[in-house]
C-alpha atoms as a PDB file:
ATOM      1  CA  MET A   1     131.352 120.819  96.554  1.00  0.00           C
ATOM      2  CA  SER A   2     132.286 117.674  94.746  1.00  0.00           C
ATOM      3  CA  LEU A   3     129.558 114.764  95.877  1.00  0.00           C
ATOM      4  CA  SER A   4     130.362 111.454  95.502  1.00  0.00           C
ATOM      5  CA  PRO A   5     127.505 108.429  94.056  1.00  0.00           C
ATOM      6  CA  ILE A   6     125.697 106.579  96.093  1.00  0.00           C
ATOM      7  CA  GLU A   7     126.988 102.952  95.672  1.00  0.00           C
ATOM      8  CA  SER A   8     124.507 101.467  98.179  1.00  0.00           C
ATOM      9  CA  VAL A   9     121.417 102.466 100.201  1.00  0.00           C
ATOM     10  CA  GLN A  10     120.890 100.563 104.076  1.00  0.00           C
ATOM     11  CA  GLY A  11     117.278 100.038 104.953  1.00  0.00           C
ATOM     12  CA  VAL A  12     117.249 101.949 108.065  1.00  0.00           C
ATOM     13  CA  SER A  13     114.592 100.412 110.640  1.00  0.00           C
ATOM     14  CA  GLY A  14     111.773 102.550 111.453  1.00  0.00           C
ATOM     15  CA  THR A  15     112.602 105.873 109.033  1.00  0.00           C
ATOM     16  CA  GLY A  16     110.278 104.785 106.485  1.00  0.00           C
ATOM     17  CA  TYR A  17     113.341 103.664 103.883  1.00  0.00           C
ATOM     18  CA  VAL A  18     112.562 100.806 102.331  1.00  0.00           C
ATOM     19  CA  GLY A  19     114.474 100.586  99.021  1.00  0.00           C
ATOM     20  CA  SER A  20     117.770  98.490 100.853  1.00  0.00           C
ATOM     21  CA  THR A  21     119.960  97.012  98.897  1.00  0.00           C
ATOM     22  CA  LYS A  22     120.428  94.434 101.656  1.00  0.00           C
ATOM     23  CA  ALA A  23     118.084  93.578 105.015  1.00  0.00           C
ATOM     24  CA  PRO A  24     118.895  94.245 107.835  1.00  0.00           C
ATOM     25  CA  GLY A  25     120.838  91.671 110.164  1.00  0.00           C
ATOM     26  CA  SER A  26     122.018  89.961 106.266  1.00  0.00           C
ATOM     27  CA  THR A  27     125.506  89.303 106.182  1.00  0.00           C
ATOM     28  CA  LYS A  28     125.685  88.823 102.331  1.00  0.00           C
ATOM     29  CA  ALA A  29     126.575  91.425  99.853  1.00  0.00           C
ATOM     30  CA  PRO A  30     124.180  93.114  97.122  1.00  0.00           C
ATOM     31  CA  GLY A  31     124.140  91.026  93.697  1.00  0.00           C
ATOM     32  CA  SER A  32     125.217  87.412  95.853  1.00  0.00           C
ATOM     33  CA  THR A  33     123.273  84.957  95.546  1.00  0.00           C
ATOM     34  CA  GLY A  34     120.696  83.437  98.250  1.00  0.00           C
ATOM     35  CA  GLY A  35     117.983  85.900  97.975  1.00  0.00           C
ATOM     36  CA  GLY A  36     118.222  88.391  98.407  1.00  0.00           C
ATOM     37  CA  PHE A  37     115.363  90.224  96.626  1.00  0.00           C
ATOM     38  CA  GLY A  38     113.310  88.494  98.633  1.00  0.00           C
ATOM     39  CA  THR A  39     115.071  88.989 101.679  1.00  0.00           C
ATOM     40  CA  ALA A  40     114.554  92.796 101.002  1.00  0.00           C
ATOM     41  CA  LEU A  41     110.691  92.142 100.172  1.00  0.00           C
ATOM     42  CA  THR A  42     110.785  90.458 103.935  1.00  0.00           C
ATOM     43  CA  GLY A  43     112.737  93.271 105.502  1.00  0.00           C
ATOM     44  CA  ALA A  44     109.910  95.897 103.625  1.00  0.00           C
ATOM     45  CA  VAL A  45     107.445  94.241 104.847  1.00  0.00           C
ATOM     46  CA  ASP A  46     108.817  94.602 108.707  1.00  0.00           C
ATOM     47  CA  ASP A  47     109.805  97.843 108.500  1.00  0.00           C
ATOM     48  CA  LEU A  48     106.112  98.862 106.959  1.00  0.00           C
ATOM     49  CA  GLN A  49     104.214  96.962 109.744  1.00  0.00           C
ATOM     50  CA  SER A  50     106.548  98.683 112.536  1.00  0.00           C
ATOM     51  CA  LEU A  51     106.232 102.133 111.210  1.00  0.00           C
ATOM     52  CA  GLN A  52     102.344 101.189 111.100  1.00  0.00           C
ATOM     53  CA  SER A  53     101.964 100.303 114.784  1.00  0.00           C
ATOM     54  CA  THR A  54     104.526 103.348 115.924  1.00  0.00           C
ATOM     55  CA  SER A  55     101.807 104.903 114.202  1.00  0.00           C
ATOM     56  CA  LYS A  56      99.033 103.618 115.594  1.00  0.00           C
ATOM     57  CA  GLU A  57      99.573 104.410 119.563  1.00  0.00           C
ATOM     58  CA  LEU A  58     101.087 107.257 118.657  1.00  0.00           C
ATOM     59  CA  ALA A  59      97.589 108.363 117.199  1.00  0.00           C
ATOM     60  CA  VAL A  60      96.060 106.455 120.281  1.00  0.00           C
ATOM     61  CA  SER A  61      98.401 108.740 122.809  1.00  0.00           C
ATOM     62  CA  ALA A  62      97.037 111.834 120.500  1.00  0.00           C
ATOM     63  CA  VAL A  63      93.737 110.874 121.050  1.00  0.00           C
ATOM     64  CA  THR A  64      94.017 110.304 124.541  1.00  0.00           C
ATOM     65  CA  GLY A  65      95.501 113.537 125.666  1.00  0.00           C
ATOM     66  CA  ASN A  66      99.291 111.559 126.272  1.00  0.00           C
ATOM     67  CA  LEU A  67     100.766 113.090 123.562  1.00  0.00           C
ATOM     68  CA  ASP A  68     102.678 116.330 124.414  1.00  0.00           C
ATOM     69  CA  ASP A  69     103.895 116.667 120.387  1.00  0.00           C
ATOM     70  CA  ILE A  70     101.257 116.521 117.514  1.00  0.00           C
ATOM     71  CA  HIS A  71     103.628 116.497 115.385  1.00  0.00           C
ATOM     72  CA  LYS A  72     105.093 113.108 116.359  1.00  0.00           C
ATOM     73  CA  ALA A  73     101.311 111.726 115.136  1.00  0.00           C
ATOM     74  CA  THR A  74     101.337 113.073 112.121  1.00  0.00           C
ATOM     75  CA  LEU A  75     104.938 112.402 111.514  1.00  0.00           C
ATOM     76  CA  ALA A  76     104.394 108.673 111.746  1.00  0.00           C
ATOM     77  CA  ALA A  77     100.613 108.896 110.373  1.00  0.00           C
ATOM     78  CA  THR A  78     102.192 110.273 106.518  1.00  0.00           C
ATOM     79  CA  ARG A  79     105.358 107.757 106.810  1.00  0.00           C
ATOM     80  CA  ALA A  80     103.338 104.728 107.257  1.00  0.00           C
ATOM     81  CA  GLN A  81     100.920 106.162 104.715  1.00  0.00           C
ATOM     82  CA  VAL A  82     104.343 106.421 102.258  1.00  0.00           C
ATOM     83  CA  THR A  83     105.401 103.682 103.200  1.00  0.00           C
ATOM     84  CA  PHE A  84     102.426 102.033 102.012  1.00  0.00           C
ATOM     85  CA  GLU A  85     102.084 103.362  99.293  1.00  0.00           C
ATOM     86  CA  LEU A  86     105.992 102.411  98.012  1.00  0.00           C
ATOM     87  CA  VAL A  87     105.408  98.681  99.137  1.00  0.00           C
ATOM     88  CA  ALA A  88     102.243  98.742  97.108  1.00  0.00           C
ATOM     89  CA  ALA A  89     103.861  99.552  94.187  1.00  0.00           C
ATOM     90  CA  VAL A  90     106.688  97.865  93.916  1.00  0.00           C
ATOM     91  CA  ARG A  91     103.697  94.984  94.785  1.00  0.00           C
ATOM     92  CA  ASN A  92     102.120  95.952  91.080  1.00  0.00           C
ATOM     93  CA  LYS A  93     105.176  95.966  90.051  1.00  0.00           C
ATOM     94  CA  GLY A  94     106.040  92.842  90.453  1.00  0.00           C
ATOM     95  CA  ILE A  95     102.434  91.100  89.483  1.00  0.00           C
ATOM     96  CA  ASP A  96     102.749  93.176  85.753  1.00  0.00           C
ATOM     97  CA  ALA A  97     106.730  91.305  85.888  1.00  0.00           C
ATOM     98  CA  PHE A  98     105.456  88.333  86.495  1.00  0.00           C
ATOM     99  CA  ASN A  99     102.360  88.496  84.093  1.00  0.00           C
ATOM    100  CA  GLU A 100     103.790  89.757  81.156  1.00  0.00           C
ATOM    101  CA  ILE A 101     106.544  86.823  81.549  1.00  0.00           C
ATOM    102  CA  MET A 102     103.607  83.869  81.196  1.00  0.00           C
ATOM    103  CA  ARG A 103     102.803  85.944  78.728  1.00  0.00           C
ATOM    104  CA  MET A 104     105.449  85.262  76.942  1.00  0.00           C
ATOM    105  CA  GLN A 105     105.792  82.960  73.944  1.00  0.00           C
ATOM    106  CA  ALA A 106     108.256  79.848  74.597  1.00  0.00           C
END
């Protein structure tokens, strides 16, 4: 069984995978000019907000007794938490990189 290399990873809304090389709805190829990183980062934050709102809705349904399967609420909460930690880590690395660039001598 041979495995083929992954050429690119596409972000899928609602799955928690936010490391896409192309933002959802974008028609530009990865590596082309036009703010791809900023667009991908905006898409990641939008996906995070969607995951958090889904998690909140399922938590309210679970507390009120309207949810038959508690696993859905647990998975949604965990997915939102992991995605939030990933976005926070990317933000922190970006800030560290910016600070390092600012310390460089001309």
